[in-house]
PDB file of N, CA and C in Angstrom:
ATOM      1  N   MET A   1     -15.091  -3.690   9.148  1.00  0.00           N
ATOM      2  CA  MET A   1     -14.157  -4.659   8.611  1.00  0.00           C
ATOM      3  C   MET A   1     -14.902  -5.951   8.334  1.00  0.00           C
ATOM      4  N   LEU A   2     -14.593  -6.521   7.216  1.00  0.00           N
ATOM      5  CA  LEU A   2     -15.151  -7.820   6.846  1.00  0.00           C
ATOM      6  C   LEU A   2     -14.116  -8.885   7.182  1.00  0.00           C
ATOM      7  N   ALA A   3     -14.474  -9.871   7.975  1.00  0.00           N
ATOM      8  CA  ALA A   3     -13.567 -10.975   8.311  1.00  0.00           C
ATOM      9  C   ALA A   3     -14.044 -12.229   7.593  1.00  0.00           C
ATOM     10  N   LEU A   4     -13.135 -12.869   6.864  1.00  0.00           N
ATOM     11  CA  LEU A   4     -13.474 -14.052   6.088  1.00  0.00           C
ATOM     12  C   LEU A   4     -12.548 -15.200   6.461  1.00  0.00           C
ATOM     13  N   SER A   5     -13.045 -16.399   6.330  1.00  0.00           N
ATOM     14  CA  SER A   5     -12.210 -17.593   6.457  1.00  0.00           C
ATOM     15  C   SER A   5     -11.953 -18.132   5.061  1.00  0.00           C
ATOM     16  N   ARG A   6     -10.707 -18.421   4.760  1.00  0.00           N
ATOM     17  CA  ARG A   6     -10.332 -18.964   3.462  1.00  0.00           C
ATOM     18  C   ARG A   6      -9.318 -20.079   3.692  1.00  0.00           C
ATOM     19  N   LYS A   7      -9.297 -21.023   2.808  1.00  0.00           N
ATOM     20  CA  LYS A   7      -8.331 -22.112   2.853  1.00  0.00           C
ATOM     21  C   LYS A   7      -7.309 -21.921   1.742  1.00  0.00           C
ATOM     22  N   LYS A   8      -6.193 -22.634   1.846  1.00  0.00           N
ATOM     23  CA  LYS A   8      -5.168 -22.582   0.820  1.00  0.00           C
ATOM     24  C   LYS A   8      -5.801 -22.880  -0.540  1.00  0.00           C
ATOM     25  N   GLY A   9      -5.489 -22.046  -1.518  1.00  0.00           N
ATOM     26  CA  GLY A   9      -6.032 -22.212  -2.867  1.00  0.00           C
ATOM     27  C   GLY A   9      -7.313 -21.439  -3.104  1.00  0.00           C
ATOM     28  N   GLU A  10      -7.926 -20.913  -2.050  1.00  0.00           N
ATOM     29  CA  GLU A  10      -9.152 -20.123  -2.217  1.00  0.00           C
ATOM     30  C   GLU A  10      -8.798 -18.646  -2.364  1.00  0.00           C
ATOM     31  N   ALA A  11      -9.778 -17.853  -2.789  1.00  0.00           N
ATOM     32  CA  ALA A  11      -9.532 -16.439  -3.064  1.00  0.00           C
ATOM     33  C   ALA A  11     -10.755 -15.608  -2.711  1.00  0.00           C
ATOM     34  N   ILE A  12     -10.552 -14.302  -2.685  1.00  0.00           N
ATOM     35  CA  ILE A  12     -11.658 -13.350  -2.577  1.00  0.00           C
ATOM     36  C   ILE A  12     -11.488 -12.344  -3.710  1.00  0.00           C
ATOM     37  N   LEU A  13     -12.582 -11.729  -4.103  1.00  0.00           N
ATOM     38  CA  LEU A  13     -12.559 -10.705  -5.141  1.00  0.00           C
ATOM     39  C   LEU A  13     -12.965  -9.370  -4.549  1.00  0.00           C
ATOM     40  N   ILE A  14     -12.283  -8.324  -4.980  1.00  0.00           N
ATOM     41  CA  ILE A  14     -12.645  -6.955  -4.612  1.00  0.00           C
ATOM     42  C   ILE A  14     -12.996  -6.260  -5.911  1.00  0.00           C
ATOM     43  N   GLY A  15     -14.250  -5.889  -6.034  1.00  0.00           N
ATOM     44  CA  GLY A  15     -14.705  -5.314  -7.299  1.00  0.00           C
ATOM     45  C   GLY A  15     -14.610  -6.357  -8.398  1.00  0.00           C
ATOM     46  N   ASP A  16     -14.418  -5.867  -9.611  1.00  0.00           N
ATOM     47  CA  ASP A  16     -14.348  -6.761 -10.766  1.00  0.00           C
ATOM     48  C   ASP A  16     -12.928  -7.173 -11.131  1.00  0.00           C
ATOM     49  N   ASN A  17     -11.916  -6.493 -10.552  1.00  0.00           N
ATOM     50  CA  ASN A  17     -10.582  -6.717 -11.099  1.00  0.00           C
ATOM     51  C   ASN A  17      -9.458  -6.878 -10.066  1.00  0.00           C
ATOM     52  N   ILE A  18      -9.782  -7.113  -8.811  1.00  0.00           N
ATOM     53  CA  ILE A  18      -8.756  -7.376  -7.800  1.00  0.00           C
ATOM     54  C   ILE A  18      -9.065  -8.713  -7.153  1.00  0.00           C
ATOM     55  N   GLU A  19      -8.082  -9.604  -7.187  1.00  0.00           N
ATOM     56  CA  GLU A  19      -8.241 -10.927  -6.591  1.00  0.00           C
ATOM     57  C   GLU A  19      -7.127 -11.160  -5.579  1.00  0.00           C
ATOM     58  N   ILE A  20      -7.502 -11.611  -4.389  1.00  0.00           N
ATOM     59  CA  ILE A  20      -6.544 -11.953  -3.349  1.00  0.00           C
ATOM     60  C   ILE A  20      -6.663 -13.444  -3.093  1.00  0.00           C
ATOM     61  N   SER A  21      -5.561 -14.158  -3.339  1.00  0.00           N
ATOM     62  CA  SER A  21      -5.548 -15.614  -3.213  1.00  0.00           C
ATOM     63  C   SER A  21      -4.699 -16.039  -2.018  1.00  0.00           C
ATOM     64  N   ILE A  22      -5.095 -17.113  -1.365  1.00  0.00           N
ATOM     65  CA  ILE A  22      -4.291 -17.708  -0.307  1.00  0.00           C
ATOM     66  C   ILE A  22      -3.362 -18.711  -0.980  1.00  0.00           C
ATOM     67  N   ILE A  23      -2.071 -18.421  -0.970  1.00  0.00           N
ATOM     68  CA  ILE A  23      -1.100 -19.274  -1.653  1.00  0.00           C
ATOM     69  C   ILE A  23      -0.560 -20.349  -0.723  1.00  0.00           C
ATOM     70  N   ASP A  24      -0.265 -19.966   0.529  1.00  0.00           N
ATOM     71  CA  ASP A  24       0.319 -20.926   1.451  1.00  0.00           C
ATOM     72  C   ASP A  24       0.000 -20.520   2.882  1.00  0.00           C
ATOM     73  N   ILE A  25      -0.039 -21.491   3.760  1.00  0.00           N
ATOM     74  CA  ILE A  25      -0.266 -21.263   5.191  1.00  0.00           C
ATOM     75  C   ILE A  25       0.788 -22.062   5.948  1.00  0.00           C
ATOM     76  N   LYS A  26       1.565 -21.365   6.791  1.00  0.00           N
ATOM     77  CA  LYS A  26       2.568 -22.022   7.630  1.00  0.00           C
ATOM     78  C   LYS A  26       2.444 -21.448   9.034  1.00  0.00           C
ATOM     79  N   GLY A  27       1.951 -22.245   9.955  1.00  0.00           N
ATOM     80  CA  GLY A  27       1.782 -21.764  11.326  1.00  0.00           C
ATOM     81  C   GLY A  27       0.836 -20.585  11.364  1.00  0.00           C
ATOM     82  N   GLU A  28       1.333 -19.462  11.889  1.00  0.00           N
ATOM     83  CA  GLU A  28       0.506 -18.257  12.004  1.00  0.00           C
ATOM     84  C   GLU A  28       0.690 -17.306  10.822  1.00  0.00           C
ATOM     85  N   GLN A  29       1.441 -17.714   9.807  1.00  0.00           N
ATOM     86  CA  GLN A  29       1.648 -16.863   8.643  1.00  0.00           C
ATOM     87  C   GLN A  29       0.914 -17.418   7.434  1.00  0.00           C
ATOM     88  N   ILE A  30       0.424 -16.488   6.627  1.00  0.00           N
ATOM     89  CA  ILE A  30      -0.169 -16.875   5.350  1.00  0.00           C
ATOM     90  C   ILE A  30       0.557 -16.131   4.239  1.00  0.00           C
ATOM     91  N   LYS A  31       0.621 -16.725   3.078  1.00  0.00           N
ATOM     92  CA  LYS A  31       1.202 -16.065   1.919  1.00  0.00           C
ATOM     93  C   LYS A  31       0.052 -15.731   0.984  1.00  0.00           C
ATOM     94  N   LEU A  32      -0.061 -14.440   0.661  1.00  0.00           N
ATOM     95  CA  LEU A  32      -1.128 -13.956  -0.206  1.00  0.00           C
ATOM     96  C   LEU A  32      -0.595 -13.676  -1.596  1.00  0.00           C
ATOM     97  N   GLY A  33      -1.423 -13.903  -2.573  1.00  0.00           N
ATOM     98  CA  GLY A  33      -1.150 -13.477  -3.939  1.00  0.00           C
ATOM     99  C   GLY A  33      -2.198 -12.449  -4.311  1.00  0.00           C
ATOM    100  N   ILE A  34      -1.771 -11.330  -4.868  1.00  0.00           N
ATOM    101  CA  ILE A  34      -2.701 -10.255  -5.214  1.00  0.00           C
ATOM    102  C   ILE A  34      -2.589  -9.979  -6.707  1.00  0.00           C
ATOM    103  N   THR A  35      -3.710 -10.097  -7.394  1.00  0.00           N
ATOM    104  CA  THR A  35      -3.786  -9.777  -8.811  1.00  0.00           C
ATOM    105  C   THR A  35      -4.623  -8.515  -8.947  1.00  0.00           C
ATOM    106  N   ALA A  36      -4.006  -7.466  -9.491  1.00  0.00           N
ATOM    107  CA  ALA A  36      -4.706  -6.186  -9.640  1.00  0.00           C
ATOM    108  C   ALA A  36      -4.198  -5.506 -10.915  1.00  0.00           C
ATOM    109  N   PRO A  37      -4.988  -4.590 -11.463  1.00  0.00           N
ATOM    110  CA  PRO A  37      -4.532  -3.841 -12.636  1.00  0.00           C
ATOM    111  C   PRO A  37      -3.247  -3.068 -12.312  1.00  0.00           C
ATOM    112  N   ARG A  38      -2.442  -2.840 -13.326  1.00  0.00           N
ATOM    113  CA  ARG A  38      -1.168  -2.134 -13.133  1.00  0.00           C
ATOM    114  C   ARG A  38      -1.343  -0.728 -12.578  1.00  0.00           C
ATOM    115  N   ASP A  39      -2.487  -0.095 -12.815  1.00  0.00           N
ATOM    116  CA  ASP A  39      -2.681   1.276 -12.347  1.00  0.00           C
ATOM    117  C   ASP A  39      -3.089   1.345 -10.873  1.00  0.00           C
ATOM    118  N   ILE A  40      -3.203   0.212 -10.210  1.00  0.00           N
ATOM    119  CA  ILE A  40      -3.536   0.175  -8.786  1.00  0.00           C
ATOM    120  C   ILE A  40      -2.285  -0.247  -8.016  1.00  0.00           C
ATOM    121  N   SER A  41      -1.828   0.629  -7.128  1.00  0.00           N
ATOM    122  CA  SER A  41      -0.651   0.323  -6.321  1.00  0.00           C
ATOM    123  C   SER A  41      -1.044  -0.598  -5.180  1.00  0.00           C
ATOM    124  N   VAL A  42      -0.184  -1.571  -4.891  1.00  0.00           N
ATOM    125  CA  VAL A  42      -0.407  -2.504  -3.794  1.00  0.00           C
ATOM    126  C   VAL A  42       0.837  -2.465  -2.906  1.00  0.00           C
ATOM    127  N   TYR A  43       0.673  -2.080  -1.645  1.00  0.00           N
ATOM    128  CA  TYR A  43       1.774  -1.972  -0.700  1.00  0.00           C
ATOM    129  C   TYR A  43       1.436  -2.701   0.590  1.00  0.00           C
ATOM    130  N   ARG A  44       2.472  -3.160   1.297  1.00  0.00           N
ATOM    131  CA  ARG A  44       2.275  -3.568   2.683  1.00  0.00           C
ATOM    132  C   ARG A  44       1.977  -2.292   3.461  1.00  0.00           C
ATOM    133  N   LYS A  45       1.154  -2.384   4.492  1.00  0.00           N
ATOM    134  CA  LYS A  45       0.717  -1.192   5.218  1.00  0.00           C
ATOM    135  C   LYS A  45       1.892  -0.395   5.767  1.00  0.00           C
ATOM    136  N   GLU A  46       2.887  -1.068   6.361  1.00  0.00           N
ATOM    137  CA  GLU A  46       4.009  -0.345   6.957  1.00  0.00           C
ATOM    138  C   GLU A  46       4.813   0.403   5.897  1.00  0.00           C
ATOM    139  N   VAL A  47       4.913  -0.138   4.697  1.00  0.00           N
ATOM    140  CA  VAL A  47       5.609   0.548   3.608  1.00  0.00           C
ATOM    141  C   VAL A  47       4.790   1.751   3.146  1.00  0.00           C
ATOM    142  N   TYR A  48       3.482   1.578   3.016  1.00  0.00           N
ATOM    143  CA  TYR A  48       2.594   2.674   2.604  1.00  0.00           C
ATOM    144  C   TYR A  48       2.686   3.845   3.589  1.00  0.00           C
ATOM    145  N   LEU A  49       2.659   3.539   4.891  1.00  0.00           N
ATOM    146  CA  LEU A  49       2.743   4.596   5.899  1.00  0.00           C
ATOM    147  C   LEU A  49       4.086   5.312   5.838  1.00  0.00           C
ATOM    148  N   GLN A  50       5.160   4.584   5.588  1.00  0.00           N
ATOM    149  CA  GLN A  50       6.478   5.193   5.457  1.00  0.00           C
ATOM    150  C   GLN A  50       6.524   6.119   4.238  1.00  0.00           C
ATOM    151  N   ILE A  51       5.942   5.701   3.137  1.00  0.00           N
ATOM    152  CA  ILE A  51       5.885   6.545   1.940  1.00  0.00           C
ATOM    153  C   ILE A  51       5.122   7.824   2.240  1.00  0.00           C
ATOM    154  N   GLN A  52       4.004   7.705   2.958  1.00  0.00           N
ATOM    155  CA  GLN A  52       3.208   8.890   3.315  1.00  0.00           C
ATOM    156  C   GLN A  52       4.018   9.864   4.157  1.00  0.00           C
ATOM    157  N   GLU A  53       4.762   9.343   5.139  1.00  0.00           N
ATOM    158  CA  GLU A  53       5.582  10.206   6.001  1.00  0.00           C
ATOM    159  C   GLU A  53       6.671  10.894   5.193  1.00  0.00           C
ATOM    160  N   GLU A  54       7.299  10.166   4.287  1.00  0.00           N
ATOM    161  CA  GLU A  54       8.342  10.762   3.446  1.00  0.00           C
ATOM    162  C   GLU A  54       7.762  11.832   2.530  1.00  0.00           C
ATOM    163  N   ASN A  55       6.561  11.605   2.021  1.00  0.00           N
ATOM    164  CA  ASN A  55       5.907  12.616   1.186  1.00  0.00           C
ATOM    165  C   ASN A  55       5.607  13.875   1.984  1.00  0.00           C
ATOM    166  N   LYS A  56       5.130  13.713   3.218  1.00  0.00           N
ATOM    167  CA  LYS A  56       4.854  14.874   4.073  1.00  0.00           C
ATOM    168  C   LYS A  56       6.134  15.648   4.358  1.00  0.00           C
ATOM    169  N   ALA A  57       7.216  14.928   4.666  1.00  0.00           N
ATOM    170  CA  ALA A  57       8.491  15.584   4.941  1.00  0.00           C
ATOM    171  C   ALA A  57       8.987  16.328   3.704  1.00  0.00           C
ATOM    172  N   SER A  58       8.793  15.741   2.541  1.00  0.00           N
ATOM    173  CA  SER A  58       9.218  16.374   1.293  1.00  0.00           C
ATOM    174  C   SER A  58       8.456  17.669   1.043  1.00  0.00           C
ATOM    175  N   VAL A  59       7.161  17.647   1.319  1.00  0.00           N
ATOM    176  CA  VAL A  59       6.344  18.853   1.129  1.00  0.00           C
ATOM    177  C   VAL A  59       6.809  19.954   2.076  1.00  0.00           C
ATOM    178  N   LEU A  60       7.093  19.593   3.321  1.00  0.00           N
ATOM    179  CA  LEU A  60       7.573  20.586   4.284  1.00  0.00           C
ATOM    180  C   LEU A  60       8.913  21.157   3.845  1.00  0.00           C
ATOM    181  N   THR A  61       9.810  20.304   3.388  1.00  0.00           N
ATOM    182  CA  THR A  61      11.117  20.748   2.912  1.00  0.00           C
ATOM    183  C   THR A  61      10.963  21.640   1.691  1.00  0.00           C
ATOM    184  N   SER A  62      10.083  21.270   0.773  1.00  0.00           N
ATOM    185  CA  SER A  62       9.843  22.075  -0.424  1.00  0.00           C
ATOM    186  C   SER A  62       9.271  23.427  -0.049  1.00  0.00           C
ATOM    187  N   GLY A  63       8.374  23.432   0.938  1.00  0.00           N
ATOM    188  CA  GLY A  63       7.774  24.690   1.395  1.00  0.00           C
ATOM    189  C   GLY A  63       8.814  25.625   1.966  1.00  0.00           C
ATOM    190  N   LYS A  64       9.747  25.082   2.742  1.00  0.00           N
ATOM    191  CA  LYS A  64      10.823  25.898   3.316  1.00  0.00           C
ATOM    192  C   LYS A  64      11.740  26.415   2.215  1.00  0.00           C
ATOM    193  N   ALA A  65      12.026  25.572   1.235  1.00  0.00           N
ATOM    194  CA  ALA A  65      12.880  25.985   0.122  1.00  0.00           C
ATOM    195  C   ALA A  65      12.218  27.121  -0.657  1.00  0.00           C
ATOM    196  N   MET A  66      10.910  27.038  -0.855  1.00  0.00           N
ATOM    197  CA  MET A  66      10.189  28.100  -1.570  1.00  0.00           C
ATOM    198  C   MET A  66      10.228  29.408  -0.782  1.00  0.00           C
ATOM    199  N   GLU A  67      10.092  29.332   0.532  1.00  0.00           N
ATOM    200  CA  GLU A  67      10.157  30.535   1.366  1.00  0.00           C
ATOM    201  C   GLU A  67      11.535  31.174   1.263  1.00  0.00           C
ATOM    202  N   ASN A  68      12.592  30.340   1.307  1.00  0.00           N
ATOM    203  CA  ASN A  68      13.945  30.868   1.170  1.00  0.00           C
ATOM    204  C   ASN A  68      14.157  31.496  -0.202  1.00  0.00           C
ATOM    205  N   LEU A  69      13.628  30.887  -1.237  1.00  0.00           N
ATOM    206  CA  LEU A  69      13.737  31.432  -2.590  1.00  0.00           C
ATOM    207  C   LEU A  69      13.010  32.766  -2.688  1.00  0.00           C
ATOM    208  N   LYS A  70      11.838  32.870  -2.067  1.00  0.00           N
ATOM    209  CA  LYS A  70      11.100  34.145  -2.085  1.00  0.00           C
ATOM    210  C   LYS A  70      11.897  35.238  -1.395  1.00  0.00           C
ATOM    211  N   LYS A  71      12.566  34.890  -0.298  1.00  0.00           N
ATOM    212  CA  LYS A  71      13.381  35.887   0.413  1.00  0.00           C
ATOM    213  C   LYS A  71      14.530  36.372  -0.449  1.00  0.00           C
ATOM    214  N   ILE A  72      15.130  35.445  -1.194  1.00  0.00           N
ATOM    215  CA  ILE A  72      16.259  35.804  -2.061  1.00  0.00           C
ATOM    216  C   ILE A  72      15.784  36.703  -3.192  1.00  0.00           C
ATOM    217  N   LEU A  73      14.636  36.398  -3.756  1.00  0.00           N
ATOM    218  CA  LEU A  73      14.130  37.185  -4.876  1.00  0.00           C
ATOM    219  C   LEU A  73      13.525  38.463  -4.374  1.00  0.00           C
TER     220      LEU A  73
END
């Protein structure tokens, strides 16, 4: 992990086309601005993990549905 210190108004770059800016700092919270190409998804980690779990559950449900369909056919 790379740990950086940044002040309000400063930014970091990831590659050539992703920029993370410090927009505001209040107490222990910071507000980030993220500029990235439209084809790159940007999620909060907890939302990303929830999406992954829902995708896994969907695959399991689809697998069971396919097994039931095979039994019927």
